[in-house]
Amino acid sequence: MTDSILIDEDQSGGDDPLAVLMAAALLVEHPDGQKTLRLTRPLPLRFRTKGGEEREEVLEELTFRRATGADLREVGKLADGNALGASLTLTGRLTGKPERVIDQLDGEDASNAAVVANSFFGARPRTGKS
């Protein structure tokens, strides 16, 4: 039998994907508004210095800063009707990770990252009479 995580939907928020990530202990919200997502499939990375030395590191989590209007504007320019692509571009901007790293995330982790990136957009203000 494979390891699995039991999520009690009555306590996790049901269909709220952010609540599901929190219930599964994959997401931590920090007091300053940042959010850290634990990757289900850590990503091995290799770095090369200008001197040619190499080192390895494993990316185990992504920490997202809060989004700004500039982030939204830039992602809006790149979206081209591709909501998931725009979310992954936003993930790179909010985590400071280059596109080539975001592109190598496992599909489940990329999907979870898109959920977290989009969670920084609160309810849109209403205009006119309600």
Protein backbone atom coordinates (compact mmCIF):
# COMPACT_ATOMS: atom_id res chain seq x y z
CA MET A 1 0.00 0.00 0.00
CA THR A 2 1.33 3.46 -0.86
CA ASP A 3 1.60 6.27 1.63
CA SER A 4 -1.37 8.55 1.45
CA ILE A 5 -2.73 11.54 3.28
CA LEU A 6 -6.26 11.42 4.62
CA ILE A 7 -8.03 14.76 4.30
CA ASP A 8 -11.24 15.20 6.25
CA GLU A 9 -13.25 17.36 3.88
CA ASP A 10 -15.45 18.59 6.72
CA GLN A 11 -12.36 20.20 8.26
CA SER A 12 -10.37 21.04 5.13
CA GLY A 13 -12.79 23.43 3.52
CA GLY A 14 -14.14 20.94 0.97
CA ASP A 15 -13.48 22.24 -2.52
CA ASP A 16 -11.19 25.10 -1.46
CA PRO A 17 -7.83 24.03 -2.95
CA LEU A 18 -5.86 26.26 -0.59
CA ALA A 19 -7.54 24.66 2.44
CA VAL A 20 -6.78 21.22 1.02
CA LEU A 21 -3.08 22.12 0.68
CA MET A 22 -3.03 23.40 4.25
CA ALA A 23 -4.79 20.30 5.58
CA ALA A 24 -2.24 18.13 3.78
CA ALA A 25 0.56 20.07 5.49
CA LEU A 26 1.85 21.29 2.13
CA LEU A 27 1.21 24.99 2.73
CA VAL A 28 2.21 27.39 5.50
CA GLU A 29 0.92 30.96 5.65
CA HIS A 30 3.31 33.36 7.38
CA PRO A 31 2.27 36.39 9.47
CA ASP A 32 3.85 38.76 6.91
CA GLY A 33 1.57 37.41 4.16
CA GLN A 34 4.11 35.15 2.48
CA LYS A 35 3.21 31.52 1.80
CA THR A 36 5.51 28.50 1.65
CA LEU A 37 4.57 25.46 -0.43
CA ARG A 38 6.29 22.14 0.30
CA LEU A 39 6.97 20.25 -2.93
CA THR A 40 5.66 16.70 -3.19
CA ARG A 41 8.55 15.88 -5.55
CA PRO A 42 11.67 17.83 -4.55
CA LEU A 43 13.65 19.11 -7.52
CA PRO A 44 17.42 18.48 -7.71
CA LEU A 45 19.32 21.52 -9.01
CA ARG A 46 22.94 21.99 -10.11
CA PHE A 47 24.69 25.34 -9.94
CA ARG A 48 27.92 26.37 -11.65
CA THR A 49 29.96 29.31 -10.40
CA LYS A 50 31.87 31.67 -12.69
CA GLY A 51 34.99 29.76 -11.67
CA GLY A 52 33.51 26.53 -13.03
CA GLU A 53 32.85 24.89 -9.67
CA GLU A 54 29.58 22.98 -9.38
CA ARG A 55 27.35 22.37 -6.42
CA GLU A 56 24.07 20.53 -6.00
CA GLU A 57 21.02 21.55 -4.05
CA VAL A 58 17.53 20.10 -3.71
CA LEU A 59 14.59 22.48 -4.00
CA GLU A 60 12.11 21.23 -1.39
CA GLU A 61 9.81 24.24 -1.08
CA LEU A 62 8.77 27.48 -2.74
CA THR A 63 8.22 30.64 -0.73
CA PHE A 64 5.86 33.14 -2.36
CA ARG A 65 5.96 36.85 -1.56
CA ARG A 66 2.75 38.85 -1.79
CA ALA A 67 1.83 40.00 -5.30
CA THR A 68 1.92 43.63 -6.37
CA GLY A 69 0.09 45.51 -9.09
CA ALA A 70 3.27 45.38 -11.20
CA ASP A 71 3.22 41.57 -11.00
CA LEU A 72 -0.36 41.48 -12.23
CA ARG A 73 0.35 43.89 -15.06
CA GLU A 74 3.37 41.90 -16.26
CA VAL A 75 1.58 38.56 -16.08
CA GLY A 76 -1.40 40.06 -17.91
CA LYS A 77 0.91 40.96 -20.80
CA LEU A 78 2.16 37.39 -21.07
CA ALA A 79 -1.06 35.47 -20.49
CA ASP A 80 -2.27 35.05 -24.11
CA GLY A 81 -5.46 33.39 -22.82
CA ASN A 82 -3.46 30.65 -21.09
CA ALA A 83 -4.51 30.87 -17.43
CA LEU A 84 -2.20 28.09 -16.22
CA GLY A 85 0.76 29.56 -18.10
CA ALA A 86 0.04 32.96 -16.55
CA SER A 87 -0.15 31.35 -13.09
CA LEU A 88 3.21 29.65 -13.59
CA THR A 89 4.76 32.91 -14.80
CA LEU A 90 3.38 34.55 -11.67
CA THR A 91 4.82 31.68 -9.60
CA GLY A 92 8.29 32.48 -10.95
CA ARG A 93 7.88 36.19 -10.21
CA LEU A 94 6.59 35.64 -6.66
CA THR A 95 9.18 33.00 -5.72
CA GLY A 96 12.16 34.54 -7.51
CA LYS A 97 12.81 31.25 -9.33
CA PRO A 98 13.76 31.35 -13.02
CA GLU A 99 11.37 29.98 -15.63
CA ARG A 100 13.62 26.99 -16.32
CA VAL A 101 13.20 25.89 -12.67
CA ILE A 102 9.42 26.38 -12.66
CA ASP A 103 9.22 24.43 -15.94
CA GLN A 104 10.90 21.41 -14.29
CA LEU A 105 8.45 21.15 -11.38
CA ASP A 106 6.45 17.94 -11.19
CA GLY A 107 2.95 18.44 -12.61
CA GLU A 108 1.31 18.13 -9.18
CA ASP A 109 3.70 20.67 -7.69
CA ALA A 110 3.21 23.04 -10.63
CA SER A 111 -0.56 22.82 -10.20
CA ASN A 112 -0.27 23.42 -6.45
CA ALA A 113 2.05 26.38 -7.10
CA ALA A 114 -0.51 27.90 -9.48
CA VAL A 115 -3.17 27.60 -6.76
CA VAL A 116 -0.93 29.40 -4.28
CA ALA A 117 0.07 32.12 -6.76
CA ASN A 118 -3.58 32.82 -7.56
CA SER A 119 -4.51 32.90 -3.86
CA PHE A 120 -2.98 36.36 -3.48
CA PHE A 121 -5.92 37.87 -5.37
CA GLY A 122 -8.69 38.62 -2.92
CA ALA A 123 -12.29 39.20 -3.85
CA ARG A 124 -12.53 41.79 -6.57
CA PRO A 125 -14.11 45.07 -5.56
CA ARG A 126 -17.67 45.53 -6.73
CA THR A 127 -18.69 48.55 -8.64
CA GLY A 128 -22.10 50.12 -9.05
CA LYS A 129 -25.19 49.17 -7.06
CA SER A 130 -25.49 45.71 -5.60
